[in-house]
PDB file of N, CA and C in Angstrom:
ATOM      1  N   MET A   1      23.311   2.284  -7.820  1.00  0.00           N
ATOM      2  CA  MET A   1      22.693   3.479  -8.364  1.00  0.00           C
ATOM      3  C   MET A   1      23.586   4.099  -9.431  1.00  0.00           C
ATOM      4  N   LYS A   2      24.901   4.158  -9.151  1.00  0.00           N
ATOM      5  CA  LYS A   2      25.821   4.726 -10.132  1.00  0.00           C
ATOM      6  C   LYS A   2      25.857   3.876 -11.392  1.00  0.00           C
ATOM      7  N   ARG A   3      25.767   2.556 -11.207  1.00  0.00           N
ATOM      8  CA  ARG A   3      25.781   1.653 -12.355  1.00  0.00           C
ATOM      9  C   ARG A   3      24.548   1.899 -13.229  1.00  0.00           C
ATOM     10  N   LEU A   4      23.387   2.044 -12.597  1.00  0.00           N
ATOM     11  CA  LEU A   4      22.153   2.313 -13.332  1.00  0.00           C
ATOM     12  C   LEU A   4      22.255   3.625 -14.095  1.00  0.00           C
ATOM     13  N   LEU A   5      22.774   4.641 -13.447  1.00  0.00           N
ATOM     14  CA  LEU A   5      22.945   5.930 -14.108  1.00  0.00           C
ATOM     15  C   LEU A   5      23.891   5.807 -15.295  1.00  0.00           C
ATOM     16  N   GLY A   6      24.959   5.036 -15.121  1.00  0.00           N
ATOM     17  CA  GLY A   6      25.905   4.816 -16.210  1.00  0.00           C
ATOM     18  C   GLY A   6      25.260   4.117 -17.391  1.00  0.00           C
ATOM     19  N   VAL A   7      24.437   3.125 -17.110  1.00  0.00           N
ATOM     20  CA  VAL A   7      23.738   2.403 -18.179  1.00  0.00           C
ATOM     21  C   VAL A   7      22.783   3.339 -18.913  1.00  0.00           C
ATOM     22  N   LEU A   8      22.063   4.160 -18.173  1.00  0.00           N
ATOM     23  CA  LEU A   8      21.136   5.102 -18.808  1.00  0.00           C
ATOM     24  C   LEU A   8      21.871   6.112 -19.684  1.00  0.00           C
ATOM     25  N   VAL A   9      23.009   6.594 -19.211  1.00  0.00           N
ATOM     26  CA  VAL A   9      23.807   7.528 -20.009  1.00  0.00           C
ATOM     27  C   VAL A   9      24.302   6.847 -21.272  1.00  0.00           C
ATOM     28  N   LEU A  10      24.742   5.601 -21.143  1.00  0.00           N
ATOM     29  CA  LEU A  10      25.219   4.850 -22.303  1.00  0.00           C
ATOM     30  C   LEU A  10      24.096   4.632 -23.306  1.00  0.00           C
ATOM     31  N   LEU A  11      22.923   4.238 -22.826  1.00  0.00           N
ATOM     32  CA  LEU A  11      21.784   4.043 -23.729  1.00  0.00           C
ATOM     33  C   LEU A  11      21.410   5.334 -24.443  1.00  0.00           C
ATOM     34  N   ALA A  12      21.430   6.425 -23.725  1.00  0.00           N
ATOM     35  CA  ALA A  12      21.103   7.710 -24.342  1.00  0.00           C
ATOM     36  C   ALA A  12      22.122   8.062 -25.411  1.00  0.00           C
ATOM     37  N   ALA A  13      23.387   7.798 -25.141  1.00  0.00           N
ATOM     38  CA  ALA A  13      24.438   8.100 -26.111  1.00  0.00           C
ATOM     39  C   ALA A  13      24.317   7.234 -27.355  1.00  0.00           C
ATOM     40  N   LEU A  14      23.869   6.016 -27.184  1.00  0.00           N
ATOM     41  CA  LEU A  14      23.730   5.102 -28.315  1.00  0.00           C
ATOM     42  C   LEU A  14      22.399   5.258 -29.036  1.00  0.00           C
ATOM     43  N   GLY A  15      21.565   6.113 -28.549  1.00  0.00           N
ATOM     44  CA  GLY A  15      20.264   6.323 -29.187  1.00  0.00           C
ATOM     45  C   GLY A  15      19.216   5.344 -28.715  1.00  0.00           C
ATOM     46  N   GLY A  16      19.454   4.650 -27.620  1.00  0.00           N
ATOM     47  CA  GLY A  16      18.521   3.655 -27.112  1.00  0.00           C
ATOM     48  C   GLY A  16      17.353   4.247 -26.350  1.00  0.00           C
ATOM     49  N   VAL A  17      17.397   5.510 -26.048  1.00  0.00           N
ATOM     50  CA  VAL A  17      16.292   6.163 -25.351  1.00  0.00           C
ATOM     51  C   VAL A  17      15.407   6.822 -26.395  1.00  0.00           C
ATOM     52  N   SER A  18      14.133   6.574 -26.310  1.00  0.00           N
ATOM     53  CA  SER A  18      13.232   7.097 -27.331  1.00  0.00           C
ATOM     54  C   SER A  18      13.168   8.617 -27.292  1.00  0.00           C
ATOM     55  N   ALA A  19      12.781   9.182 -28.404  1.00  0.00           N
ATOM     56  CA  ALA A  19      12.633  10.634 -28.488  1.00  0.00           C
ATOM     57  C   ALA A  19      11.525  11.110 -27.557  1.00  0.00           C
ATOM     58  N   GLN A  20      10.546  10.237 -27.289  1.00  0.00           N
ATOM     59  CA  GLN A  20       9.443  10.622 -26.421  1.00  0.00           C
ATOM     60  C   GLN A  20       9.904  10.788 -24.978  1.00  0.00           C
ATOM     61  N   ALA A  21      10.897  10.021 -24.562  1.00  0.00           N
ATOM     62  CA  ALA A  21      11.331  10.077 -23.171  1.00  0.00           C
ATOM     63  C   ALA A  21      12.159  11.325 -22.887  1.00  0.00           C
ATOM     64  N   GLN A  22      12.809  11.881 -23.879  1.00  0.00           N
ATOM     65  CA  GLN A  22      13.725  12.988 -23.665  1.00  0.00           C
ATOM     66  C   GLN A  22      13.059  14.283 -23.215  1.00  0.00           C
ATOM     67  N   PRO A  23      11.896  14.680 -23.718  1.00  0.00           N
ATOM     68  CA  PRO A  23      11.332  15.959 -23.280  1.00  0.00           C
ATOM     69  C   PRO A  23      10.610  15.909 -21.934  1.00  0.00           C
ATOM     70  N   VAL A  24      10.576  14.754 -21.286  1.00  0.00           N
ATOM     71  CA  VAL A  24       9.804  14.636 -20.049  1.00  0.00           C
ATOM     72  C   VAL A  24      10.218  15.651 -18.989  1.00  0.00           C
ATOM     73  N   PRO A  25      11.511  15.789 -18.658  1.00  0.00           N
ATOM     74  CA  PRO A  25      11.847  16.798 -17.641  1.00  0.00           C
ATOM     75  C   PRO A  25      11.426  18.209 -18.050  1.00  0.00           C
ATOM     76  N   GLU A  26      11.522  18.509 -19.319  1.00  0.00           N
ATOM     77  CA  GLU A  26      11.157  19.848 -19.790  1.00  0.00           C
ATOM     78  C   GLU A  26       9.658  20.095 -19.716  1.00  0.00           C
ATOM     79  N   ILE A  27       8.853  19.087 -20.048  1.00  0.00           N
ATOM     80  CA  ILE A  27       7.403  19.306 -19.992  1.00  0.00           C
ATOM     81  C   ILE A  27       6.895  19.263 -18.559  1.00  0.00           C
ATOM     82  N   CYS A  28       7.489  18.409 -17.730  1.00  0.00           N
ATOM     83  CA  CYS A  28       7.043  18.331 -16.332  1.00  0.00           C
ATOM     84  C   CYS A  28       7.398  19.592 -15.559  1.00  0.00           C
ATOM     85  N   SER A  29       8.491  20.229 -15.922  1.00  0.00           N
ATOM     86  CA  SER A  29       8.883  21.469 -15.243  1.00  0.00           C
ATOM     87  C   SER A  29       8.316  22.698 -15.944  1.00  0.00           C
ATOM     88  N   LYS A  30       7.473  22.467 -16.962  1.00  0.00           N
ATOM     89  CA  LYS A  30       6.789  23.537 -17.713  1.00  0.00           C
ATOM     90  C   LYS A  30       7.753  24.432 -18.500  1.00  0.00           C
ATOM     91  N   LYS A  31       8.950  23.909 -18.811  1.00  0.00           N
ATOM     92  CA  LYS A  31       9.899  24.675 -19.618  1.00  0.00           C
ATOM     93  C   LYS A  31       9.610  24.540 -21.108  1.00  0.00           C
ATOM     94  N   ARG A  32       8.866  23.503 -21.463  1.00  0.00           N
ATOM     95  CA  ARG A  32       8.546  23.243 -22.864  1.00  0.00           C
ATOM     96  C   ARG A  32       7.093  22.808 -22.948  1.00  0.00           C
ATOM     97  N   SER A  33       6.385  23.292 -23.941  1.00  0.00           N
ATOM     98  CA  SER A  33       4.970  22.931 -24.078  1.00  0.00           C
ATOM     99  C   SER A  33       4.829  21.559 -24.731  1.00  0.00           C
ATOM    100  N   CYS A  34       3.727  20.920 -24.460  1.00  0.00           N
ATOM    101  CA  CYS A  34       3.432  19.636 -25.084  1.00  0.00           C
ATOM    102  C   CYS A  34       3.319  19.791 -26.593  1.00  0.00           C
ATOM    103  N   PHE A  35       2.792  20.926 -27.026  1.00  0.00           N
ATOM    104  CA  PHE A  35       2.636  21.179 -28.458  1.00  0.00           C
ATOM    105  C   PHE A  35       3.987  21.153 -29.162  1.00  0.00           C
ATOM    106  N   MET A  36       5.005  21.694 -28.519  1.00  0.00           N
ATOM    107  CA  MET A  36       6.339  21.735 -29.118  1.00  0.00           C
ATOM    108  C   MET A  36       7.099  20.422 -28.927  1.00  0.00           C
ATOM    109  N   ALA A  37       6.804  19.692 -27.871  1.00  0.00           N
ATOM    110  CA  ALA A  37       7.563  18.489 -27.546  1.00  0.00           C
ATOM    111  C   ALA A  37       7.083  17.249 -28.286  1.00  0.00           C
ATOM    112  N   PHE A  38       5.799  17.171 -28.617  1.00  0.00           N
ATOM    113  CA  PHE A  38       5.232  15.955 -29.189  1.00  0.00           C
ATOM    114  C   PHE A  38       4.377  16.262 -30.408  1.00  0.00           C
ATOM    115  N   ASP A  39       4.163  15.205 -31.198  1.00  0.00           N
ATOM    116  CA  ASP A  39       3.153  15.270 -32.247  1.00  0.00           C
ATOM    117  C   ASP A  39       2.378  13.960 -32.199  1.00  0.00           C
ATOM    118  N   GLY A  40       1.338  13.872 -32.986  1.00  0.00           N
ATOM    119  CA  GLY A  40       0.527  12.665 -32.983  1.00  0.00           C
ATOM    120  C   GLY A  40      -0.233  12.486 -31.673  1.00  0.00           C
ATOM    121  N   PRO A  41      -0.559  11.237 -31.345  1.00  0.00           N
ATOM    122  CA  PRO A  41      -1.365  10.968 -30.148  1.00  0.00           C
ATOM    123  C   PRO A  41      -0.704  11.425 -28.846  1.00  0.00           C
ATOM    124  N   ASP A  42       0.630  11.374 -28.779  1.00  0.00           N
ATOM    125  CA  ASP A  42       1.312  11.779 -27.547  1.00  0.00           C
ATOM    126  C   ASP A  42       1.045  13.239 -27.197  1.00  0.00           C
ATOM    127  N   ARG A  43       0.867  14.064 -28.197  1.00  0.00           N
ATOM    128  CA  ARG A  43       0.581  15.479 -27.931  1.00  0.00           C
ATOM    129  C   ARG A  43      -0.734  15.625 -27.164  1.00  0.00           C
ATOM    130  N   GLY A  44      -1.760  14.906 -27.593  1.00  0.00           N
ATOM    131  CA  GLY A  44      -3.050  14.976 -26.910  1.00  0.00           C
ATOM    132  C   GLY A  44      -2.977  14.458 -25.486  1.00  0.00           C
ATOM    133  N   PHE A  45      -2.288  13.329 -25.291  1.00  0.00           N
ATOM    134  CA  PHE A  45      -2.124  12.792 -23.941  1.00  0.00           C
ATOM    135  C   PHE A  45      -1.404  13.796 -23.052  1.00  0.00           C
ATOM    136  N   CYS A  46      -0.335  14.370 -23.569  1.00  0.00           N
ATOM    137  CA  CYS A  46       0.446  15.339 -22.806  1.00  0.00           C
ATOM    138  C   CYS A  46      -0.402  16.566 -22.466  1.00  0.00           C
ATOM    139  N   GLN A  47      -1.114  17.089 -23.447  1.00  0.00           N
ATOM    140  CA  GLN A  47      -1.924  18.283 -23.196  1.00  0.00           C
ATOM    141  C   GLN A  47      -3.004  18.013 -22.154  1.00  0.00           C
ATOM    142  N   ALA A  48      -3.612  16.841 -22.212  1.00  0.00           N
ATOM    143  CA  ALA A  48      -4.684  16.529 -21.260  1.00  0.00           C
ATOM    144  C   ALA A  48      -4.144  16.240 -19.865  1.00  0.00           C
ATOM    145  N   TYR A  49      -3.150  15.365 -19.777  1.00  0.00           N
ATOM    146  CA  TYR A  49      -2.709  14.890 -18.468  1.00  0.00           C
ATOM    147  C   TYR A  49      -1.606  15.732 -17.836  1.00  0.00           C
ATOM    148  N   VAL A  50      -0.780  16.398 -18.630  1.00  0.00           N
ATOM    149  CA  VAL A  50       0.312  17.201 -18.062  1.00  0.00           C
ATOM    150  C   VAL A  50      -0.086  18.669 -17.969  1.00  0.00           C
ATOM    151  N   GLU A  51      -0.635  19.210 -19.057  1.00  0.00           N
ATOM    152  CA  GLU A  51      -0.989  20.633 -19.067  1.00  0.00           C
ATOM    153  C   GLU A  51      -2.390  20.901 -18.535  1.00  0.00           C
ATOM    154  N   GLY A  52      -3.211  19.861 -18.407  1.00  0.00           N
ATOM    155  CA  GLY A  52      -4.545  20.034 -17.848  1.00  0.00           C
ATOM    156  C   GLY A  52      -5.574  20.602 -18.807  1.00  0.00           C
ATOM    157  N   LYS A  53      -5.321  20.526 -20.103  1.00  0.00           N
ATOM    158  CA  LYS A  53      -6.310  21.011 -21.068  1.00  0.00           C
ATOM    159  C   LYS A  53      -7.504  20.067 -21.093  1.00  0.00           C
ATOM    160  N   SER A  54      -8.610  20.529 -21.605  1.00  0.00           N
ATOM    161  CA  SER A  54      -9.828  19.717 -21.604  1.00  0.00           C
ATOM    162  C   SER A  54      -9.644  18.473 -22.465  1.00  0.00           C
ATOM    163  N   CYS A  55     -10.297  17.413 -22.046  1.00  0.00           N
ATOM    164  CA  CYS A  55     -10.251  16.158 -22.796  1.00  0.00           C
ATOM    165  C   CYS A  55     -10.852  16.356 -24.183  1.00  0.00           C
ATOM    166  N   PHE A  56     -11.912  17.145 -24.254  1.00  0.00           N
ATOM    167  CA  PHE A  56     -12.578  17.399 -25.528  1.00  0.00           C
ATOM    168  C   PHE A  56     -11.625  18.052 -26.528  1.00  0.00           C
ATOM    169  N   MET A  57     -10.820  18.990 -26.063  1.00  0.00           N
ATOM    170  CA  MET A  57      -9.893  19.695 -26.950  1.00  0.00           C
ATOM    171  C   MET A  57      -8.625  18.885 -27.225  1.00  0.00           C
ATOM    172  N   SER A  58      -8.261  17.987 -26.329  1.00  0.00           N
ATOM    173  CA  SER A  58      -7.002  17.261 -26.453  1.00  0.00           C
ATOM    174  C   SER A  58      -7.091  16.036 -27.348  1.00  0.00           C
ATOM    175  N   PHE A  59      -8.250  15.405 -27.423  1.00  0.00           N
ATOM    176  CA  PHE A  59      -8.377  14.141 -28.153  1.00  0.00           C
ATOM    177  C   PHE A  59      -9.412  14.232 -29.268  1.00  0.00           C
ATOM    178  N   ASN A  60      -9.042  13.738 -30.442  1.00  0.00           N
ATOM    179  CA  ASN A  60      -9.987  13.599 -31.554  1.00  0.00           C
ATOM    180  C   ASN A  60     -10.706  12.259 -31.476  1.00  0.00           C
ATOM    181  N   ASP A  61     -10.044  11.277 -30.898  1.00  0.00           N
ATOM    182  CA  ASP A  61     -10.544   9.915 -30.816  1.00  0.00           C
ATOM    183  C   ASP A  61     -11.521   9.775 -29.640  1.00  0.00           C
ATOM    184  N   ALA A  62     -12.714   9.279 -29.912  1.00  0.00           N
ATOM    185  CA  ALA A  62     -13.744   9.168 -28.870  1.00  0.00           C
ATOM    186  C   ALA A  62     -13.326   8.217 -27.752  1.00  0.00           C
ATOM    187  N   TYR A  63     -12.583   7.172 -28.076  1.00  0.00           N
ATOM    188  CA  TYR A  63     -12.122   6.206 -27.079  1.00  0.00           C
ATOM    189  C   TYR A  63     -11.231   6.894 -26.045  1.00  0.00           C
ATOM    190  N   ASP A  64     -10.179   7.576 -26.515  1.00  0.00           N
ATOM    191  CA  ASP A  64      -9.261   8.252 -25.593  1.00  0.00           C
ATOM    192  C   ASP A  64      -9.931   9.432 -24.897  1.00  0.00           C
ATOM    193  N   ARG A  65     -10.772  10.145 -25.612  1.00  0.00           N
ATOM    194  CA  ARG A  65     -11.498  11.264 -25.005  1.00  0.00           C
ATOM    195  C   ARG A  65     -12.396  10.759 -23.869  1.00  0.00           C
ATOM    196  N   GLY A  66     -13.065   9.627 -24.082  1.00  0.00           N
ATOM    197  CA  GLY A  66     -13.927   9.052 -23.052  1.00  0.00           C
ATOM    198  C   GLY A  66     -13.153   8.622 -21.816  1.00  0.00           C
ATOM    199  N   TRP A  67     -12.013   7.964 -22.032  1.00  0.00           N
ATOM    200  CA  TRP A  67     -11.192   7.562 -20.887  1.00  0.00           C
ATOM    201  C   TRP A  67     -10.695   8.783 -20.131  1.00  0.00           C
ATOM    202  N   CYS A  68     -10.278   9.787 -20.851  1.00  0.00           N
ATOM    203  CA  CYS A  68      -9.807  11.019 -20.218  1.00  0.00           C
ATOM    204  C   CYS A  68     -10.935  11.664 -19.412  1.00  0.00           C
ATOM    205  N   GLN A  69     -12.117  11.717 -19.977  1.00  0.00           N
ATOM    206  CA  GLN A  69     -13.252  12.315 -19.270  1.00  0.00           C
ATOM    207  C   GLN A  69     -13.583  11.536 -18.000  1.00  0.00           C
ATOM    208  N   HIS A  70     -13.448  10.233 -18.063  1.00  0.00           N
ATOM    209  CA  HIS A  70     -13.695   9.425 -16.863  1.00  0.00           C
ATOM    210  C   HIS A  70     -12.606   9.661 -15.815  1.00  0.00           C
ATOM    211  N   LEU A  71     -11.344   9.603 -16.245  1.00  0.00           N
ATOM    212  CA  LEU A  71     -10.226   9.675 -15.303  1.00  0.00           C
ATOM    213  C   LEU A  71      -9.963  11.081 -14.777  1.00  0.00           C
ATOM    214  N   ARG A  72     -10.041  12.069 -15.624  1.00  0.00           N
ATOM    215  CA  ARG A  72      -9.697  13.438 -15.225  1.00  0.00           C
ATOM    216  C   ARG A  72     -10.893  14.276 -14.820  1.00  0.00           C
ATOM    217  N   GLU A  73     -11.994  14.092 -15.515  1.00  0.00           N
ATOM    218  CA  GLU A  73     -13.139  14.973 -15.300  1.00  0.00           C
ATOM    219  C   GLU A  73     -14.230  14.334 -14.451  1.00  0.00           C
ATOM    220  N   GLY A  74     -14.039  13.072 -14.076  1.00  0.00           N
ATOM    221  CA  GLY A  74     -14.967  12.425 -13.161  1.00  0.00           C
ATOM    222  C   GLY A  74     -16.259  11.907 -13.756  1.00  0.00           C
ATOM    223  N   LYS A  75     -16.350  11.821 -15.074  1.00  0.00           N
ATOM    224  CA  LYS A  75     -17.567  11.259 -15.667  1.00  0.00           C
ATOM    225  C   LYS A  75     -17.643   9.770 -15.339  1.00  0.00           C
ATOM    226  N   SER A  76     -18.839   9.273 -15.222  1.00  0.00           N
ATOM    227  CA  SER A  76     -19.021   7.846 -14.945  1.00  0.00           C
ATOM    228  C   SER A  76     -18.613   7.030 -16.165  1.00  0.00           C
ATOM    229  N   CYS A  77     -18.307   5.752 -15.935  1.00  0.00           N
ATOM    230  CA  CYS A  77     -17.987   4.849 -17.046  1.00  0.00           C
ATOM    231  C   CYS A  77     -19.139   4.836 -18.045  1.00  0.00           C
ATOM    232  N   PHE A  78     -20.362   4.834 -17.525  1.00  0.00           N
ATOM    233  CA  PHE A  78     -21.547   4.778 -18.371  1.00  0.00           C
ATOM    234  C   PHE A  78     -21.658   6.008 -19.269  1.00  0.00           C
ATOM    235  N   MET A  79     -21.364   7.176 -18.729  1.00  0.00           N
ATOM    236  CA  MET A  79     -21.505   8.414 -19.498  1.00  0.00           C
ATOM    237  C   MET A  79     -20.336   8.661 -20.454  1.00  0.00           C
ATOM    238  N   ALA A  80     -19.143   8.186 -20.107  1.00  0.00           N
ATOM    239  CA  ALA A  80     -17.955   8.521 -20.888  1.00  0.00           C
ATOM    240  C   ALA A  80     -17.595   7.492 -21.947  1.00  0.00           C
ATOM    241  N   LEU A  81     -17.974   6.239 -21.741  1.00  0.00           N
ATOM    242  CA  LEU A  81     -17.460   5.159 -22.587  1.00  0.00           C
ATOM    243  C   LEU A  81     -18.564   4.267 -23.123  1.00  0.00           C
ATOM    244  N   ASP A  82     -18.212   3.507 -24.166  1.00  0.00           N
ATOM    245  CA  ASP A  82     -19.142   2.568 -24.784  1.00  0.00           C
ATOM    246  C   ASP A  82     -18.497   1.191 -24.915  1.00  0.00           C
ATOM    247  N   GLY A  83     -19.317   0.171 -25.068  1.00  0.00           N
ATOM    248  CA  GLY A  83     -18.873  -1.168 -25.423  1.00  0.00           C
ATOM    249  C   GLY A  83     -17.828  -1.764 -24.494  1.00  0.00           C
ATOM    250  N   ASP A  84     -16.761  -2.319 -25.115  1.00  0.00           N
ATOM    251  CA  ASP A  84     -15.697  -2.971 -24.352  1.00  0.00           C
ATOM    252  C   ASP A  84     -15.001  -2.005 -23.399  1.00  0.00           C
ATOM    253  N   ALA A  85     -14.852  -0.757 -23.820  1.00  0.00           N
ATOM    254  CA  ALA A  85     -14.205   0.237 -22.958  1.00  0.00           C
ATOM    255  C   ALA A  85     -15.033   0.454 -21.690  1.00  0.00           C
ATOM    256  N   ARG A  86     -16.338   0.498 -21.824  1.00  0.00           N
ATOM    257  CA  ARG A  86     -17.205   0.678 -20.651  1.00  0.00           C
ATOM    258  C   ARG A  86     -17.080  -0.520 -19.713  1.00  0.00           C
ATOM    259  N   ARG A  87     -17.073  -1.725 -20.282  1.00  0.00           N
ATOM    260  CA  ARG A  87     -16.945  -2.921 -19.449  1.00  0.00           C
ATOM    261  C   ARG A  87     -15.589  -2.951 -18.743  1.00  0.00           C
ATOM    262  N   ALA A  88     -14.529  -2.560 -19.447  1.00  0.00           N
ATOM    263  CA  ALA A  88     -13.196  -2.502 -18.826  1.00  0.00           C
ATOM    264  C   ALA A  88     -13.185  -1.471 -17.702  1.00  0.00           C
ATOM    265  N   CYS A  89     -13.792  -0.351 -17.939  1.00  0.00           N
ATOM    266  CA  CYS A  89     -13.865   0.715 -16.939  1.00  0.00           C
ATOM    267  C   CYS A  89     -14.614   0.241 -15.695  1.00  0.00           C
ATOM    268  N   GLU A  90     -15.740  -0.398 -15.897  1.00  0.00           N
ATOM    269  CA  GLU A  90     -16.534  -0.887 -14.770  1.00  0.00           C
ATOM    270  C   GLU A  90     -15.794  -1.955 -13.976  1.00  0.00           C
ATOM    271  N   ALA A  91     -14.862  -2.663 -14.654  1.00  0.00           N
ATOM    272  CA  ALA A  91     -14.042  -3.680 -13.977  1.00  0.00           C
ATOM    273  C   ALA A  91     -12.777  -3.075 -13.370  1.00  0.00           C
ATOM    274  N   GLY A  92     -12.584  -1.775 -13.549  1.00  0.00           N
ATOM    275  CA  GLY A  92     -11.424  -1.099 -12.970  1.00  0.00           C
ATOM    276  C   GLY A  92     -10.154  -1.201 -13.789  1.00  0.00           C
ATOM    277  N   ARG A  93     -10.269  -1.587 -15.052  1.00  0.00           N
ATOM    278  CA  ARG A  93      -9.091  -1.712 -15.921  1.00  0.00           C
ATOM    279  C   ARG A  93      -8.933  -0.441 -16.744  1.00  0.00           C
ATOM    280  N   VAL A  94      -7.778   0.192 -16.607  1.00  0.00           N
ATOM    281  CA  VAL A  94      -7.481   1.445 -17.306  1.00  0.00           C
ATOM    282  C   VAL A  94      -6.410   1.170 -18.356  1.00  0.00           C
ATOM    283  N   PRO A  95      -6.568   1.673 -19.585  1.00  0.00           N
ATOM    284  CA  PRO A  95      -5.549   1.452 -20.618  1.00  0.00           C
ATOM    285  C   PRO A  95      -4.172   1.955 -20.180  1.00  0.00           C
ATOM    286  N   ARG A  96      -3.157   1.215 -20.588  1.00  0.00           N
ATOM    287  CA  ARG A  96      -1.775   1.495 -20.190  1.00  0.00           C
ATOM    288  C   ARG A  96      -1.353   2.928 -20.489  1.00  0.00           C
ATOM    289  N   GLU A  97      -1.672   3.423 -21.687  1.00  0.00           N
ATOM    290  CA  GLU A  97      -1.196   4.767 -22.043  1.00  0.00           C
ATOM    291  C   GLU A  97      -1.822   5.846 -21.157  1.00  0.00           C
ATOM    292  N   HIS A  98      -3.045   5.648 -20.729  1.00  0.00           N
ATOM    293  CA  HIS A  98      -3.676   6.623 -19.829  1.00  0.00           C
ATOM    294  C   HIS A  98      -3.033   6.563 -18.441  1.00  0.00           C
ATOM    295  N   ARG A  99      -2.748   5.355 -17.958  1.00  0.00           N
ATOM    296  CA  ARG A  99      -2.040   5.236 -16.672  1.00  0.00           C
ATOM    297  C   ARG A  99      -0.674   5.904 -16.752  1.00  0.00           C
ATOM    298  N   HIS A 100       0.040   5.662 -17.859  1.00  0.00           N
ATOM    299  CA  HIS A 100       1.376   6.242 -18.040  1.00  0.00           C
ATOM    300  C   HIS A 100       1.328   7.767 -17.970  1.00  0.00           C
ATOM    301  N   TRP A 101       0.448   8.382 -18.732  1.00  0.00           N
ATOM    302  CA  TRP A 101       0.396   9.842 -18.784  1.00  0.00           C
ATOM    303  C   TRP A 101      -0.144  10.441 -17.491  1.00  0.00           C
ATOM    304  N   MET A 102      -1.017   9.733 -16.795  1.00  0.00           N
ATOM    305  CA  MET A 102      -1.522  10.234 -15.512  1.00  0.00           C
ATOM    306  C   MET A 102      -0.400  10.332 -14.482  1.00  0.00           C
ATOM    307  N   ARG A 103       0.550   9.397 -14.550  1.00  0.00           N
ATOM    308  CA  ARG A 103       1.625   9.320 -13.556  1.00  0.00           C
ATOM    309  C   ARG A 103       2.911   9.999 -13.996  1.00  0.00           C
ATOM    310  N   LEU A 104       2.992  10.417 -15.240  1.00  0.00           N
ATOM    311  CA  LEU A 104       4.254  10.865 -15.823  1.00  0.00           C
ATOM    312  C   LEU A 104       4.964  11.926 -14.994  1.00  0.00           C
ATOM    313  N   CYS A 105       4.292  12.942 -14.594  1.00  0.00           N
ATOM    314  CA  CYS A 105       4.936  14.053 -13.878  1.00  0.00           C
ATOM    315  C   CYS A 105       4.621  14.046 -12.387  1.00  0.00           C
ATOM    316  N   SER A 106       4.174  12.919 -11.871  1.00  0.00           N
ATOM    317  CA  SER A 106       3.770  12.880 -10.463  1.00  0.00           C
ATOM    318  C   SER A 106       4.934  13.137  -9.510  1.00  0.00           C
ATOM    319  N   GLY A 107       6.155  12.866  -9.925  1.00  0.00           N
ATOM    320  CA  GLY A 107       7.309  13.085  -9.059  1.00  0.00           C
ATOM    321  C   GLY A 107       7.941  14.454  -9.201  1.00  0.00           C
ATOM    322  N   TRP A 108       7.336  15.330  -9.992  1.00  0.00           N
ATOM    323  CA  TRP A 108       7.938  16.648 -10.250  1.00  0.00           C
ATOM    324  C   TRP A 108       7.345  17.679  -9.358  1.00  0.00           C
TER     325      TRP A 108
END
């Protein structure tokens, strides 16, 4: 465990940890808003899955908005998604980024 912690500290010192990973403790503990911590698509994911904002307000992209509506708001695959996304949903396959953001603060 100490070795792992040492490696993580070394990676952080060398810049090997992404900028996206650094604000996680702050956003999960509600010390920093998603709006201030992220920009681009990560901001929408954070606002929807961490802060609980509506999928409609968090995502401009219909694909991500549909997945969010299915996963967070309980809409059926049929109502929330189209085409390949609907087929993936019906088969139980969830896009990686949605799984990541759904679980991000689960241990906090």
